[in-house]
Amino acid sequence: MAKAKSVFTCTECGGQSPKWQGQCPHCDAWNTLVETAVEATGKAGAHRFSSLGGSSAVVALGDIEARDFPRLPTLIAEFDRVLGGGLVEGGVVLSGGDPGIGKSTLLLQAAARLSEQVPVLYITGEESAQQVALRARRLGVNASKVRLMPEIELEKIQSTLAETKPRIAVVDSIQTLYSAALTSAPGSVAQVRECAAQLTRIAKQTGTTIIFVGHVTKEGALAGPRVLEHMVDTVLYFEGETHTSFRLIRAFKNRFGAVNEIGVFAMTEKGLREVTNPSALFLSQHHTGVAGSCVMVTQEGTRPLLVELQALVDDAHGGTPKRLAVGLEQNRLAMLLAVLHRHAGIAAFDQDVFLNAVGGVKIVEPGADLAVTLAIVSSLRNRPLPEKHVVFGEVGLAGEVRPVQRGQERLKEAAKLGFTHAIIPSANKPKQPIAGLQVIAVDRLVEAVDYLKAT
């Protein structure tokens, strides 16, 4: 009988079984057995994951010369911002997002621009060569120098990378590849892990920068094993609804740059177009003041963004009042309602409260607390906030208004967009006045509420 080509390994305890079972026979965990390749036996050094540079001597960290990594710009400014300045030699980038969000579109645009500088290989496992050519024509990009390879077998891709030695390689997508060393179907946990590991090894060994396109599950996480995100150097997520034209690219991991940077794009007939003033996307154009609307300045990486928060407070018609937040944390909304009642004397226990961040942006920082509370007060009283006012600050359980990071940059961004007043924490008050911007510094939540009463 021929020897089996694969075994099933438990992701919890590492135990191996010759066939798949629902429960691991070693640790009794359920649904943890995944197919892996059988380790090849042979002479030392023949392992497919042997060391790239051999054994190394132990050195002191202080004796190592630290140098910045040279960057290769993609010439798409928003994409370069998220990458940390451009692509790094030997780096591996994983780009994930919902179907139709624009992953392949952006990478084809970037490949076309990069091909004018360095050799680029575009490996497509989901589309034929004709389909990619039609997309390039539709986007209006000059992709004549991009070399295209429609293939899903890992071993053929490895051979092509060794022969052509491209500077940039795009793999669209990693879930379509398969290795002949495994018998499972493309997209399975074992295939994704094996293919990603082999291609990552090639990137580190040859200096080729590899960009993976990754599918996501219905929960929004990257499909395949979680170890996939640990293998790569940079993890990018596309955000945005497919029925809207705006797209956000967010960096969740970057070994060569800052995380939580975002790039803002607009989907057009000619592909993704950079948005140079993203704050305009998240601000509604009201001709008159609207109750429940408050503009705040949030910080995304190194970029300050002005976002409009909208609150709607209405009489509860059921037994339990509703609390719904879109774009913000719902538990924090319940906490802020309690603080508003306890320290500002404004009760909403018999009211339905709905909160929305305009434009589909997601705000995770606590600097939105003060803007949320003032929007709720405005809607509850059916009284618009004063025009040209911007707000930011964290609200504590004791009713204090705490400072946030990069307050000076937030104020400058607000002044640049024409805002004349800013309600901020006292600790964020600038030492030097900002031209055209009057600062209202508050220490307590009740001070901000009283300011709204007086205006």
Protein backbone atom coordinates (compact mmCIF):
# COMPACT_ATOMS: atom_id res chain seq x y z
CA MET A 1 0.00 0.00 0.00
CA ALA A 2 1.31 3.41 -0.92
CA LYS A 3 2.29 5.69 1.92
CA ALA A 4 -0.19 8.43 2.75
CA LYS A 5 0.78 11.88 1.53
CA SER A 6 -0.82 13.76 4.39
CA VAL A 7 -1.81 13.45 8.02
CA PHE A 8 -4.35 15.29 10.15
CA THR A 9 -2.89 17.44 12.92
CA CYS A 10 -4.74 18.89 15.90
CA THR A 11 -4.47 22.67 16.10
CA GLU A 12 -4.87 22.53 19.90
CA CYS A 13 -2.40 19.88 21.05
CA GLY A 14 -0.43 19.04 17.88
CA GLY A 15 -1.39 15.38 17.95
CA GLN A 16 -1.55 13.57 14.60
CA SER A 17 -4.09 11.14 13.17
CA PRO A 18 -3.97 9.22 9.85
CA LYS A 19 -7.57 10.18 9.04
CA TRP A 20 -9.97 12.98 9.84
CA GLN A 21 -12.18 12.67 12.90
CA GLY A 22 -14.62 15.05 14.48
CA GLN A 23 -12.86 14.77 17.85
CA CYS A 24 -9.11 14.73 18.44
CA PRO A 25 -8.16 11.34 19.95
CA HIS A 26 -5.34 12.97 21.96
CA CYS A 27 -6.96 15.97 23.68
CA ASP A 28 -10.67 15.34 22.95
CA ALA A 29 -11.11 18.76 21.30
CA TRP A 30 -13.78 18.98 18.61
CA ASN A 31 -13.26 20.07 14.98
CA THR A 32 -9.54 20.81 15.43
CA LEU A 33 -8.01 18.29 13.00
CA VAL A 34 -6.63 19.86 9.82
CA GLU A 35 -4.77 18.23 6.97
CA THR A 36 -1.02 18.84 6.78
CA ALA A 37 1.75 17.51 4.56
CA VAL A 38 3.76 14.53 5.75
CA GLU A 39 7.24 15.61 6.78
CA ALA A 40 9.74 14.34 4.23
CA THR A 41 12.52 12.12 5.50
CA GLY A 42 15.99 12.34 4.12
CA LYS A 43 19.42 13.79 4.68
CA ALA A 44 19.94 16.81 6.87
CA GLY A 45 19.18 20.11 5.16
CA ALA A 46 16.65 18.61 2.75
CA HIS A 47 13.63 19.93 4.63
CA ARG A 48 11.55 22.33 2.56
CA PHE A 49 11.54 24.84 5.43
CA SER A 50 15.25 24.68 6.23
CA SER A 51 16.95 27.84 7.42
CA LEU A 52 17.43 30.56 4.83
CA GLY A 53 20.83 31.69 5.97
CA GLY A 54 22.22 28.78 7.97
CA SER A 55 23.05 28.95 11.65
CA SER A 56 23.94 32.37 13.07
CA ALA A 57 26.17 33.38 15.94
CA VAL A 58 24.75 35.05 19.03
CA VAL A 59 25.39 38.80 18.97
CA ALA A 60 24.56 41.68 21.27
CA LEU A 61 21.60 43.78 20.20
CA GLY A 62 23.65 46.95 20.67
CA ASP A 63 26.23 45.74 18.12
CA ILE A 64 23.65 45.45 15.34
CA GLU A 65 23.45 48.41 12.97
CA ALA A 66 19.81 49.43 12.55
CA ARG A 67 18.97 50.79 9.11
CA ASP A 68 15.70 51.92 7.63
CA PHE A 69 14.20 49.70 4.98
CA PRO A 70 14.27 51.23 1.48
CA ARG A 71 10.79 51.77 0.07
CA LEU A 72 9.39 51.35 -3.41
CA PRO A 73 6.42 53.76 -3.76
CA THR A 74 3.39 52.48 -5.65
CA LEU A 75 2.70 56.07 -6.83
CA ILE A 76 -0.78 55.80 -5.26
CA ALA A 77 -0.43 58.17 -2.31
CA GLU A 78 -3.26 56.75 -0.18
CA PHE A 79 -2.00 53.19 -0.69
CA ASP A 80 1.56 54.23 0.19
CA ARG A 81 0.28 55.94 3.35
CA VAL A 82 -1.24 52.69 4.61
CA LEU A 83 1.86 50.69 3.68
CA GLY A 84 4.06 53.11 5.61
CA GLY A 85 5.65 54.82 2.60
CA GLY A 86 5.72 52.04 0.02
CA LEU A 87 6.60 48.39 -0.51
CA VAL A 88 9.62 46.85 1.22
CA GLU A 89 11.98 44.41 -0.48
CA GLY A 90 11.11 40.87 0.59
CA GLY A 91 7.95 42.02 2.33
CA VAL A 92 4.71 40.05 2.24
CA VAL A 93 1.42 41.97 2.19
CA LEU A 94 -2.02 40.41 2.75
CA SER A 95 -4.98 42.40 1.45
CA GLY A 96 -8.47 41.23 2.48
CA GLY A 97 -12.00 42.47 2.05
CA ASP A 98 -15.52 41.63 0.94
CA PRO A 99 -16.19 40.43 -2.64
CA GLY A 100 -16.44 43.33 -5.08
CA ILE A 101 -14.92 45.84 -2.67
CA GLY A 102 -12.03 46.69 -5.03
CA LYS A 103 -9.04 44.56 -3.97
CA SER A 104 -8.12 43.32 -7.44
CA THR A 105 -8.91 46.70 -8.98
CA LEU A 106 -6.49 48.57 -6.73
CA LEU A 107 -3.71 46.00 -7.08
CA LEU A 108 -3.99 46.03 -10.88
CA GLN A 109 -3.75 49.82 -10.82
CA ALA A 110 -0.71 49.60 -8.54
CA ALA A 111 0.87 46.84 -10.66
CA ALA A 112 0.49 48.96 -13.80
CA ARG A 113 2.29 51.90 -12.19
CA LEU A 114 4.98 49.75 -10.61
CA SER A 115 5.69 47.99 -13.91
CA GLU A 116 7.07 51.28 -15.24
CA GLN A 117 9.83 51.05 -12.62
CA VAL A 118 10.46 47.35 -11.86
CA PRO A 119 9.46 43.90 -13.21
CA VAL A 120 5.98 42.92 -12.00
CA LEU A 121 4.31 39.49 -12.19
CA TYR A 122 0.53 39.26 -11.72
CA ILE A 123 -0.60 35.72 -10.82
CA THR A 124 -4.35 35.27 -11.21
CA GLY A 125 -6.12 32.17 -9.99
CA GLU A 126 -9.67 33.49 -10.19
CA GLU A 127 -9.77 35.10 -13.64
CA SER A 128 -8.52 34.24 -17.09
CA ALA A 129 -5.93 36.35 -18.88
CA GLN A 130 -8.66 37.82 -21.09
CA GLN A 131 -10.69 38.91 -18.08
CA VAL A 132 -7.73 40.69 -16.53
CA ALA A 133 -6.97 42.38 -19.86
CA LEU A 134 -10.59 43.56 -20.13
CA ARG A 135 -10.43 44.96 -16.60
CA ALA A 136 -7.21 46.81 -17.39
CA ARG A 137 -8.82 48.31 -20.50
CA ARG A 138 -11.89 49.32 -18.52
CA LEU A 139 -9.73 51.00 -15.89
CA GLY A 140 -7.78 52.84 -18.55
CA VAL A 141 -4.37 51.85 -17.15
CA ASN A 142 -1.27 51.08 -19.17
CA ALA A 143 -0.56 47.51 -18.05
CA SER A 144 1.40 46.49 -21.15
CA LYS A 145 4.56 45.82 -19.09
CA VAL A 146 2.80 43.70 -16.46
CA ARG A 147 3.55 40.01 -16.93
CA LEU A 148 0.50 37.84 -16.36
CA MET A 149 0.31 34.22 -15.23
CA PRO A 150 -3.07 32.44 -14.90
CA GLU A 151 -2.14 29.54 -12.59
CA ILE A 152 -3.21 27.95 -9.30
CA GLU A 153 -0.60 25.20 -8.81
CA LEU A 154 2.01 26.26 -6.26
CA GLU A 155 4.89 24.29 -7.74
CA LYS A 156 4.49 25.95 -11.17
CA ILE A 157 4.31 29.37 -9.55
CA GLN A 158 7.49 28.66 -7.60
CA SER A 159 9.27 27.66 -10.80
CA THR A 160 8.08 30.81 -12.61
CA LEU A 161 9.19 33.07 -9.75
CA ALA A 162 12.65 31.43 -9.83
CA GLU A 163 12.96 31.94 -13.60
CA THR A 164 11.54 35.45 -14.04
CA LYS A 165 12.77 36.95 -10.72
CA PRO A 166 10.15 39.72 -10.52
CA ARG A 167 10.55 42.61 -8.09
CA ILE A 168 6.83 42.57 -7.29
CA ALA A 169 4.48 39.56 -7.43
CA VAL A 170 0.72 39.79 -6.91
CA VAL A 171 -1.16 36.58 -6.03
CA ASP A 172 -4.93 36.89 -6.63
CA SER A 173 -5.92 35.07 -4.52
CA ILE A 174 -4.12 32.91 -1.97
CA GLN A 175 -7.27 30.83 -1.40
CA THR A 176 -7.25 29.59 -5.01
CA LEU A 177 -3.76 28.05 -4.87
CA TYR A 178 -3.04 24.42 -4.13
CA SER A 179 0.08 22.36 -3.54
CA ALA A 180 0.56 18.91 -5.00
CA ALA A 181 1.95 17.83 -1.62
CA LEU A 182 -1.59 17.89 -0.21
CA THR A 183 -4.71 16.14 -1.39
CA SER A 184 -7.21 18.64 0.03
CA ALA A 185 -9.04 21.14 -2.16
CA PRO A 186 -7.84 24.72 -2.77
CA GLY A 187 -9.01 27.07 -0.04
CA SER A 188 -8.79 24.50 2.74
CA VAL A 189 -6.89 25.37 5.91
CA ALA A 190 -3.97 23.12 5.04
CA GLN A 191 -3.64 24.41 1.45
CA VAL A 192 -3.78 28.08 2.44
CA ARG A 193 -1.19 27.60 5.15
CA GLU A 194 1.15 25.52 2.97
CA CYS A 195 0.99 27.87 -0.03
CA ALA A 196 1.41 31.00 2.07
CA ALA A 197 4.37 29.53 3.94
CA GLN A 198 6.15 28.49 0.74
CA LEU A 199 5.62 31.85 -0.98
CA THR A 200 6.66 33.76 2.14
CA ARG A 201 9.88 31.75 2.19
CA ILE A 202 10.52 32.68 -1.44
CA ALA A 203 9.94 36.37 -0.67
CA LYS A 204 12.46 36.36 2.18
CA GLN A 205 14.98 34.32 0.22
CA THR A 206 14.91 36.21 -3.07
CA GLY A 207 13.82 39.72 -2.01
CA THR A 208 10.67 39.61 -4.14
CA THR A 209 7.79 41.57 -2.63
CA ILE A 210 4.65 39.42 -2.67
CA ILE A 211 1.12 40.76 -2.28
CA PHE A 212 -1.61 38.26 -1.42
CA VAL A 213 -5.29 38.89 -2.04
CA GLY A 214 -7.29 37.18 0.71
CA HIS A 215 -10.95 36.22 0.92
CA VAL A 216 -12.97 36.92 4.05
CA THR A 217 -15.61 34.91 5.87
CA LYS A 218 -19.17 36.07 6.45
CA GLU A 219 -18.05 37.38 9.85
CA GLY A 220 -15.51 39.62 8.11
CA ALA A 221 -12.34 37.77 9.20
CA LEU A 222 -9.76 36.53 6.71
CA ALA A 223 -10.60 33.05 5.49
CA GLY A 224 -8.15 30.29 6.30
CA PRO A 225 -5.99 29.66 9.35
CA ARG A 226 -5.30 32.51 11.77
CA VAL A 227 -1.61 31.78 11.37
CA LEU A 228 -1.87 33.31 7.87
CA GLU A 229 -1.92 36.79 9.40
CA HIS A 230 1.08 35.94 11.57
CA MET A 231 3.15 34.79 8.57
CA VAL A 232 2.89 38.01 6.59
CA ASP A 233 4.46 41.41 7.33
CA THR A 234 1.47 43.63 6.58
CA VAL A 235 -2.28 42.99 6.86
CA LEU A 236 -4.64 45.39 5.07
CA TYR A 237 -8.44 45.34 5.22
CA PHE A 238 -10.80 46.97 2.74
CA GLU A 239 -13.84 48.54 4.41
CA GLY A 240 -16.98 50.08 2.96
CA GLU A 241 -20.29 48.99 1.57
CA THR A 242 -20.38 47.70 -1.99
CA HIS A 243 -23.43 49.87 -2.76
CA THR A 244 -21.53 53.06 -1.89
CA SER A 245 -18.60 54.56 -3.77
CA PHE A 246 -16.28 55.11 -0.81
CA ARG A 247 -13.63 52.62 0.27
CA LEU A 248 -11.32 52.65 3.28
CA ILE A 249 -8.10 50.64 3.48
CA ARG A 250 -6.96 50.07 7.02
CA ALA A 251 -3.65 48.58 8.21
CA PHE A 252 -4.11 46.18 11.13
CA LYS A 253 -0.54 44.91 11.13
CA ASN A 254 2.61 46.42 9.67
CA ARG A 255 6.11 45.36 10.59
CA PHE A 256 7.56 48.20 8.54
CA GLY A 257 5.23 51.05 9.48
CA ALA A 258 2.46 52.32 11.73
CA VAL A 259 -0.80 50.45 12.22
CA ASN A 260 -4.29 51.94 12.16
CA GLU A 261 -3.42 54.12 9.19
CA ILE A 262 -6.20 54.45 6.66
CA GLY A 263 -6.35 55.26 2.97
CA VAL A 264 -9.51 56.72 1.50
CA PHE A 265 -10.65 55.98 -2.05
CA ALA A 266 -13.72 56.56 -4.19
CA MET A 267 -14.84 53.87 -6.63
CA THR A 268 -15.36 55.30 -10.12
CA GLU A 269 -15.74 53.92 -13.64
CA LYS A 270 -11.96 54.18 -13.99
CA GLY A 271 -11.22 52.28 -10.79
CA LEU A 272 -10.31 53.54 -7.34
CA ARG A 273 -9.53 57.24 -7.14
CA GLU A 274 -7.68 58.80 -4.21
CA VAL A 275 -9.61 61.16 -1.96
CA THR A 276 -7.35 64.03 -0.94
CA ASN A 277 -9.81 65.57 1.54
CA PRO A 278 -11.47 62.61 3.30
CA SER A 279 -13.09 64.76 5.99
CA ALA A 280 -15.52 66.06 3.36
CA LEU A 281 -16.86 62.52 2.91
CA PHE A 282 -18.00 62.21 6.50
CA LEU A 283 -19.67 65.61 6.86
CA SER A 284 -23.27 66.10 5.80
CA GLN A 285 -24.06 69.27 3.90
CA HIS A 286 -26.90 70.75 5.93
CA HIS A 287 -28.19 74.15 4.82
CA THR A 288 -29.50 74.86 8.33
CA GLY A 289 -28.77 73.52 11.79
CA VAL A 290 -30.10 70.03 12.49
CA ALA A 291 -30.90 68.80 15.98
CA GLY A 292 -28.86 65.78 17.02
CA SER A 293 -25.92 66.49 14.70
CA CYS A 294 -22.42 67.07 16.11
CA VAL A 295 -19.08 67.21 14.30
CA MET A 296 -16.05 65.63 15.98
CA VAL A 297 -12.38 65.18 15.05
CA THR A 298 -11.16 61.60 15.26
CA GLN A 299 -7.61 60.39 14.76
CA GLU A 300 -6.84 57.56 12.34
CA GLY A 301 -3.15 56.82 12.65
CA THR A 302 -1.40 60.08 11.81
CA ARG A 303 -4.43 61.54 10.02
CA PRO A 304 -7.11 63.67 11.73
CA LEU A 305 -10.60 63.18 10.27
CA LEU A 306 -13.72 65.25 10.81
CA VAL A 307 -16.76 63.01 11.21
CA GLU A 308 -20.38 63.94 11.78
CA LEU A 309 -22.17 62.04 14.53
CA GLN A 310 -25.96 61.96 14.42
CA ALA A 311 -28.18 61.08 17.37
CA LEU A 312 -31.92 60.49 17.37
CA VAL A 313 -33.75 60.41 20.71
CA ASP A 314 -37.42 59.48 20.62
CA ASP A 315 -40.09 58.29 23.04
CA ALA A 316 -39.86 54.56 23.70
CA HIS A 317 -43.00 52.80 22.48
CA GLY A 318 -42.10 49.38 23.88
CA GLY A 319 -41.35 48.05 27.30
CA THR A 320 -37.56 48.35 26.96
CA PRO A 321 -35.94 51.44 25.39
CA LYS A 322 -33.70 50.69 22.41
CA ARG A 323 -30.00 51.53 22.29
CA LEU A 324 -28.49 51.26 18.82
CA ALA A 325 -25.09 52.54 17.64
CA VAL A 326 -23.77 52.26 14.07
CA GLY A 327 -20.06 52.97 13.67
CA LEU A 328 -19.48 53.26 17.43
CA GLU A 329 -19.38 50.84 20.34
CA GLN A 330 -22.87 50.13 21.64
CA ASN A 331 -21.78 49.37 25.21
CA ARG A 332 -20.08 52.74 25.40
CA LEU A 333 -23.33 54.42 24.39
CA ALA A 334 -25.12 52.85 27.37
CA MET A 335 -22.33 54.00 29.67
CA LEU A 336 -22.46 57.59 28.36
CA LEU A 337 -26.23 57.72 28.89
CA ALA A 338 -25.69 56.75 32.53
CA VAL A 339 -22.98 59.42 32.97
CA LEU A 340 -25.22 62.01 31.31
CA HIS A 341 -27.99 61.24 33.80
CA ARG A 342 -25.80 61.06 36.90
CA HIS A 343 -23.56 64.09 36.31
CA ALA A 344 -25.58 66.37 34.02
CA GLY A 345 -29.10 65.64 35.21
CA ILE A 346 -30.35 64.62 31.74
CA ALA A 347 -32.34 61.38 31.78
CA ALA A 348 -33.11 59.22 28.76
CA PHE A 349 -34.27 56.05 30.49
CA ASP A 350 -37.67 56.27 28.79
CA GLN A 351 -36.27 57.20 25.36
CA ASP A 352 -35.06 55.20 22.37
CA VAL A 353 -31.53 56.35 21.47
CA PHE A 354 -30.05 55.79 18.00
CA LEU A 355 -26.52 56.86 17.08
CA ASN A 356 -24.83 56.90 13.67
CA ALA A 357 -21.42 57.90 12.30
CA VAL A 358 -22.01 59.48 8.88
CA GLY A 359 -20.24 57.94 5.89
CA GLY A 360 -19.87 54.42 7.24
CA VAL A 361 -16.68 55.18 9.17
CA LYS A 362 -16.01 53.16 12.33
CA ILE A 363 -14.81 55.06 15.39
CA VAL A 364 -13.12 53.01 18.09
CA GLU A 365 -11.32 55.67 20.10
CA PRO A 366 -12.87 57.19 23.28
CA GLY A 367 -12.32 60.71 21.92
CA ALA A 368 -15.86 60.59 20.51
CA ASP A 369 -17.50 60.50 23.96
CA LEU A 370 -18.08 64.25 24.34
CA ALA A 371 -19.48 64.57 20.81
CA VAL A 372 -21.85 61.63 21.43
CA THR A 373 -23.24 63.15 24.63
CA LEU A 374 -23.75 66.59 23.08
CA ALA A 375 -25.49 65.06 20.04
CA ILE A 376 -27.85 63.20 22.38
CA VAL A 377 -28.59 66.38 24.35
CA SER A 378 -29.24 68.28 21.11
CA SER A 379 -31.70 65.66 19.85
CA LEU A 380 -33.43 65.29 23.22
CA ARG A 381 -34.04 69.05 23.42
CA ASN A 382 -34.72 69.31 19.67
CA ARG A 383 -32.25 72.17 19.53
CA PRO A 384 -29.39 72.27 16.98
CA LEU A 385 -25.83 72.83 18.15
CA PRO A 386 -24.29 76.18 17.23
CA GLU A 387 -22.88 76.32 13.70
CA LYS A 388 -19.20 75.83 12.97
CA HIS A 389 -18.61 74.00 16.27
CA VAL A 390 -16.38 70.94 16.51
CA VAL A 391 -16.06 68.65 19.54
CA PHE A 392 -13.74 65.96 20.89
CA GLY A 393 -12.87 64.54 24.30
CA GLU A 394 -13.17 61.42 26.44
CA VAL A 395 -15.81 61.32 29.19
CA GLY A 396 -15.07 59.42 32.39
CA LEU A 397 -17.50 57.72 34.74
CA ALA A 398 -17.07 60.55 37.25
CA GLY A 399 -18.26 63.07 34.66
CA GLU A 400 -14.80 64.48 33.94
CA VAL A 401 -13.65 65.29 30.41
CA ARG A 402 -10.29 63.66 29.75
CA PRO A 403 -7.72 64.70 27.13
CA VAL A 404 -7.06 62.79 23.92
CA GLN A 405 -3.89 62.34 21.90
CA ARG A 406 -2.79 64.70 19.10
CA GLY A 407 -5.16 67.46 20.17
CA GLN A 408 -3.17 70.17 18.40
CA GLU A 409 -3.37 68.37 15.05
CA ARG A 410 -7.12 67.88 15.45
CA LEU A 411 -7.66 71.58 16.08
CA LYS A 412 -5.57 72.59 13.07
CA GLU A 413 -7.57 70.26 10.83
CA ALA A 414 -10.84 71.74 12.11
CA ALA A 415 -9.60 75.30 11.52
CA LYS A 416 -8.46 74.38 8.02
CA LEU A 417 -11.98 73.22 7.16
CA GLY A 418 -13.58 76.46 8.37
CA PHE A 419 -14.75 75.65 11.90
CA THR A 420 -14.66 78.62 14.26
CA HIS A 421 -15.31 77.06 17.70
CA ALA A 422 -14.00 73.91 19.40
CA ILE A 423 -15.30 72.33 22.63
CA ILE A 424 -12.38 70.33 23.96
CA PRO A 425 -10.85 69.06 27.24
CA SER A 426 -8.93 71.68 29.21
CA ALA A 427 -5.78 69.56 29.06
CA ASN A 428 -5.85 69.77 25.23
CA LYS A 429 -6.06 73.58 25.18
CA PRO A 430 -3.24 74.83 22.91
CA LYS A 431 -0.56 77.07 24.39
CA GLN A 432 -0.61 79.26 21.31
CA PRO A 433 -3.94 80.38 19.80
CA ILE A 434 -4.94 78.93 16.45
CA ALA A 435 -5.96 81.52 13.88
CA GLY A 436 -9.70 81.62 13.27
CA LEU A 437 -10.55 79.08 15.99
CA GLN A 438 -11.98 79.89 19.41
CA VAL A 439 -11.38 77.17 21.98
CA ILE A 440 -13.94 76.38 24.70
CA ALA A 441 -12.06 74.27 27.25
CA VAL A 442 -14.12 72.20 29.72
CA ASP A 443 -13.19 70.03 32.69
CA ARG A 444 -16.60 68.47 33.36
CA LEU A 445 -19.39 67.17 31.16
CA VAL A 446 -21.88 69.50 32.81
CA GLU A 447 -19.80 72.51 31.68
CA ALA A 448 -20.21 71.50 28.04
CA VAL A 449 -23.95 70.97 28.51
CA ASP A 450 -24.29 74.37 30.20
CA TYR A 451 -22.41 75.99 27.34
CA LEU A 452 -25.02 74.65 24.90
CA LYS A 453 -27.81 76.09 27.07
CA ALA A 454 -26.22 79.53 26.99
CA THR A 455 -25.75 79.61 23.18
